[in-house]
Amino acid sequence: MNKKYKKTLSGLGVGAILGFAYYYYVGCASGACAITSNPYISTAYGAMIGLIFMWPEKEKNIEGDKGNHENAI
């Protein structure tokens, strides 16, 4: 499996665990809070946030940058 996919999936898993932990320890008992009163929703939000933090970045074109700097001098 590719390294960037492992990184992305690990962010998804850790986010889901933290989202459920937030529901379990902090959650809203009255049901008035839309996110924290439902374990499925809080787990999904945590997974999405973990996915966003671990999403792979675009690769930079190093050769293109060298050419631009040499012409500027």
N, C-alpha and C. Protein backbone atom coordinates (compact mmCIF):
# COMPACT_ATOMS: atom_id res chain seq x y z
N MET A 1 0.84 -1.18 0.00
CA MET A 1 0.00 0.00 0.00
C MET A 1 0.88 1.24 0.00
N ASN A 2 0.47 2.24 -0.71
CA ASN A 2 1.24 3.45 -0.85
C ASN A 2 1.31 4.22 0.48
N LYS A 3 2.42 4.93 0.70
CA LYS A 3 2.64 5.64 1.96
C LYS A 3 1.59 6.74 2.18
N LYS A 4 1.22 7.45 1.11
CA LYS A 4 0.26 8.53 1.31
C LYS A 4 -1.14 8.00 1.65
N TYR A 5 -1.48 6.80 1.15
CA TYR A 5 -2.77 6.21 1.50
C TYR A 5 -2.78 5.75 2.96
N LYS A 6 -1.67 5.22 3.43
CA LYS A 6 -1.58 4.82 4.83
C LYS A 6 -1.73 6.03 5.74
N LYS A 7 -1.08 7.14 5.35
CA LYS A 7 -1.14 8.37 6.13
C LYS A 7 -2.58 8.90 6.16
N THR A 8 -3.26 8.88 5.03
CA THR A 8 -4.63 9.36 4.94
C THR A 8 -5.57 8.49 5.76
N LEU A 9 -5.43 7.17 5.65
CA LEU A 9 -6.30 6.26 6.39
C LEU A 9 -6.04 6.32 7.89
N SER A 10 -4.79 6.55 8.27
CA SER A 10 -4.49 6.68 9.70
C SER A 10 -5.12 7.96 10.26
N GLY A 11 -5.12 9.02 9.48
CA GLY A 11 -5.80 10.25 9.92
C GLY A 11 -7.29 10.05 10.05
N LEU A 12 -7.86 9.29 9.14
CA LEU A 12 -9.29 8.99 9.19
C LEU A 12 -9.61 8.18 10.45
N GLY A 13 -8.81 7.17 10.75
CA GLY A 13 -9.05 6.33 11.92
C GLY A 13 -8.86 7.07 13.23
N VAL A 14 -7.79 7.83 13.32
CA VAL A 14 -7.53 8.58 14.56
C VAL A 14 -8.61 9.64 14.77
N GLY A 15 -9.01 10.30 13.69
CA GLY A 15 -10.08 11.30 13.80
C GLY A 15 -11.39 10.68 14.26
N ALA A 16 -11.71 9.49 13.74
CA ALA A 16 -12.93 8.81 14.15
C ALA A 16 -12.88 8.43 15.63
N ILE A 17 -11.76 7.94 16.08
CA ILE A 17 -11.60 7.59 17.50
C ILE A 17 -11.73 8.82 18.38
N LEU A 18 -11.11 9.92 17.98
CA LEU A 18 -11.20 11.15 18.77
C LEU A 18 -12.62 11.73 18.74
N GLY A 19 -13.30 11.60 17.61
CA GLY A 19 -14.68 12.06 17.53
C GLY A 19 -15.59 11.28 18.47
N PHE A 20 -15.41 9.96 18.52
CA PHE A 20 -16.21 9.16 19.44
C PHE A 20 -15.84 9.46 20.88
N ALA A 21 -14.56 9.66 21.15
CA ALA A 21 -14.13 10.00 22.51
C ALA A 21 -14.73 11.33 22.95
N TYR A 22 -14.83 12.27 22.02
CA TYR A 22 -15.46 13.55 22.35
C TYR A 22 -16.92 13.35 22.71
N TYR A 23 -17.63 12.52 21.95
CA TYR A 23 -19.03 12.20 22.27
C TYR A 23 -19.11 11.55 23.65
N TYR A 24 -18.24 10.60 23.92
CA TYR A 24 -18.31 9.81 25.14
C TYR A 24 -18.01 10.64 26.39
N TYR A 25 -16.96 11.48 26.32
CA TYR A 25 -16.53 12.21 27.50
C TYR A 25 -17.17 13.59 27.63
N VAL A 26 -17.46 14.27 26.53
CA VAL A 26 -17.96 15.63 26.58
C VAL A 26 -19.42 15.71 26.17
N GLY A 27 -19.88 14.79 25.36
CA GLY A 27 -21.19 14.80 24.71
C GLY A 27 -22.33 15.48 25.44
N CYS A 28 -23.36 15.77 24.71
CA CYS A 28 -24.53 16.50 25.22
C CYS A 28 -25.61 15.49 25.62
N ALA A 29 -25.95 15.43 26.89
CA ALA A 29 -26.92 14.46 27.39
C ALA A 29 -28.36 14.85 27.08
N SER A 30 -28.62 16.14 26.91
CA SER A 30 -30.01 16.59 26.70
C SER A 30 -30.49 16.34 25.27
N GLY A 31 -29.58 16.16 24.35
CA GLY A 31 -29.96 15.94 22.95
C GLY A 31 -30.11 17.22 22.16
N ALA A 32 -29.85 18.36 22.77
CA ALA A 32 -29.98 19.64 22.09
C ALA A 32 -28.82 19.92 21.14
N CYS A 33 -27.69 19.31 21.40
CA CYS A 33 -26.52 19.53 20.55
C CYS A 33 -26.58 18.54 19.39
N ALA A 34 -26.58 19.04 18.18
CA ALA A 34 -26.76 18.17 17.01
C ALA A 34 -25.58 17.23 16.79
N ILE A 35 -24.38 17.69 17.04
CA ILE A 35 -23.20 16.87 16.75
C ILE A 35 -22.85 15.96 17.93
N THR A 36 -22.79 16.51 19.11
CA THR A 36 -22.27 15.74 20.25
C THR A 36 -23.30 14.85 20.92
N SER A 37 -24.58 14.93 20.54
CA SER A 37 -25.57 14.07 21.18
C SER A 37 -25.72 12.72 20.48
N ASN A 38 -25.14 12.57 19.29
CA ASN A 38 -25.25 11.34 18.51
C ASN A 38 -23.85 10.77 18.26
N PRO A 39 -23.56 9.54 18.68
CA PRO A 39 -22.20 9.01 18.50
C PRO A 39 -21.81 8.83 17.03
N TYR A 40 -22.77 8.53 16.17
CA TYR A 40 -22.46 8.33 14.76
C TYR A 40 -22.04 9.64 14.10
N ILE A 41 -22.75 10.70 14.42
CA ILE A 41 -22.44 11.99 13.81
C ILE A 41 -21.11 12.52 14.33
N SER A 42 -20.87 12.41 15.63
CA SER A 42 -19.62 12.93 16.17
C SER A 42 -18.43 12.11 15.67
N THR A 43 -18.60 10.81 15.48
CA THR A 43 -17.54 9.97 14.92
C THR A 43 -17.27 10.35 13.46
N ALA A 44 -18.32 10.61 12.71
CA ALA A 44 -18.15 11.00 11.30
C ALA A 44 -17.46 12.36 11.18
N TYR A 45 -17.84 13.32 12.03
CA TYR A 45 -17.18 14.63 12.00
C TYR A 45 -15.71 14.49 12.38
N GLY A 46 -15.42 13.70 13.38
CA GLY A 46 -14.02 13.49 13.76
C GLY A 46 -13.22 12.84 12.65
N ALA A 47 -13.83 11.88 11.95
CA ALA A 47 -13.15 11.23 10.84
C ALA A 47 -12.88 12.21 9.71
N MET A 48 -13.84 13.08 9.43
CA MET A 48 -13.64 14.08 8.36
C MET A 48 -12.53 15.06 8.72
N ILE A 49 -12.49 15.49 9.96
CA ILE A 49 -11.44 16.42 10.38
C ILE A 49 -10.08 15.74 10.33
N GLY A 50 -10.00 14.49 10.77
CA GLY A 50 -8.74 13.74 10.67
C GLY A 50 -8.31 13.56 9.24
N LEU A 51 -9.26 13.34 8.35
CA LEU A 51 -8.95 13.19 6.93
C LEU A 51 -8.43 14.50 6.35
N ILE A 52 -9.02 15.61 6.73
CA ILE A 52 -8.58 16.91 6.23
C ILE A 52 -7.16 17.21 6.69
N PHE A 53 -6.84 16.90 7.95
CA PHE A 53 -5.49 17.17 8.45
C PHE A 53 -4.43 16.30 7.79
N MET A 54 -4.78 15.09 7.40
CA MET A 54 -3.79 14.17 6.85
C MET A 54 -3.87 14.03 5.33
N TRP A 55 -4.67 14.87 4.66
CA TRP A 55 -4.80 14.80 3.21
C TRP A 55 -3.45 15.11 2.57
N PRO A 56 -3.02 14.31 1.58
CA PRO A 56 -1.71 14.54 0.96
C PRO A 56 -1.64 15.88 0.24
N GLU A 57 -0.48 16.52 0.35
CA GLU A 57 -0.26 17.80 -0.32
C GLU A 57 0.14 17.57 -1.77
N LYS A 58 -0.01 18.61 -2.57
CA LYS A 58 0.43 18.53 -3.96
C LYS A 58 1.96 18.49 -4.00
N GLU A 59 2.48 17.74 -4.96
CA GLU A 59 3.93 17.69 -5.12
C GLU A 59 4.39 18.93 -5.87
N LYS A 60 5.50 19.51 -5.42
CA LYS A 60 6.02 20.71 -6.06
C LYS A 60 6.96 20.32 -7.20
N ASN A 61 6.95 21.11 -8.24
CA ASN A 61 7.85 20.91 -9.37
C ASN A 61 9.14 21.65 -9.08
N ILE A 62 10.17 20.94 -8.64
CA ILE A 62 11.42 21.56 -8.24
C ILE A 62 12.18 22.11 -9.44
N GLU A 63 12.18 21.40 -10.56
CA GLU A 63 12.91 21.86 -11.73
C GLU A 63 12.34 23.15 -12.28
N GLY A 64 11.05 23.33 -12.25
CA GLY A 64 10.41 24.54 -12.73
C GLY A 64 10.80 25.74 -11.88
N ASP A 65 10.95 25.53 -10.58
CA ASP A 65 11.35 26.62 -9.68
C ASP A 65 12.78 27.06 -9.93
N LYS A 66 13.69 26.12 -10.25
CA LYS A 66 15.09 26.48 -10.49
C LYS A 66 15.22 27.39 -11.70
N GLY A 67 14.49 27.08 -12.74
CA GLY A 67 14.57 27.88 -13.96
C GLY A 67 14.10 29.30 -13.73
N ASN A 68 13.09 29.50 -12.94
CA ASN A 68 12.56 30.83 -12.68
C ASN A 68 13.54 31.67 -11.85
N HIS A 69 14.23 31.08 -10.92
CA HIS A 69 15.16 31.81 -10.08
C HIS A 69 16.43 32.19 -10.85
N GLU A 70 16.88 31.36 -11.73
CA GLU A 70 18.09 31.65 -12.50
C GLU A 70 17.85 32.80 -13.47
N ASN A 71 16.67 32.88 -14.05
CA ASN A 71 16.38 33.97 -14.98
C ASN A 71 16.18 35.29 -14.27
N ALA A 72 15.84 35.30 -13.01
CA ALA A 72 15.60 36.52 -12.27
C ALA A 72 16.90 37.23 -11.93
N ILE A 73 18.01 36.53 -11.93
CA ILE A 73 19.31 37.13 -11.54
C ILE A 73 19.87 37.85 -12.68
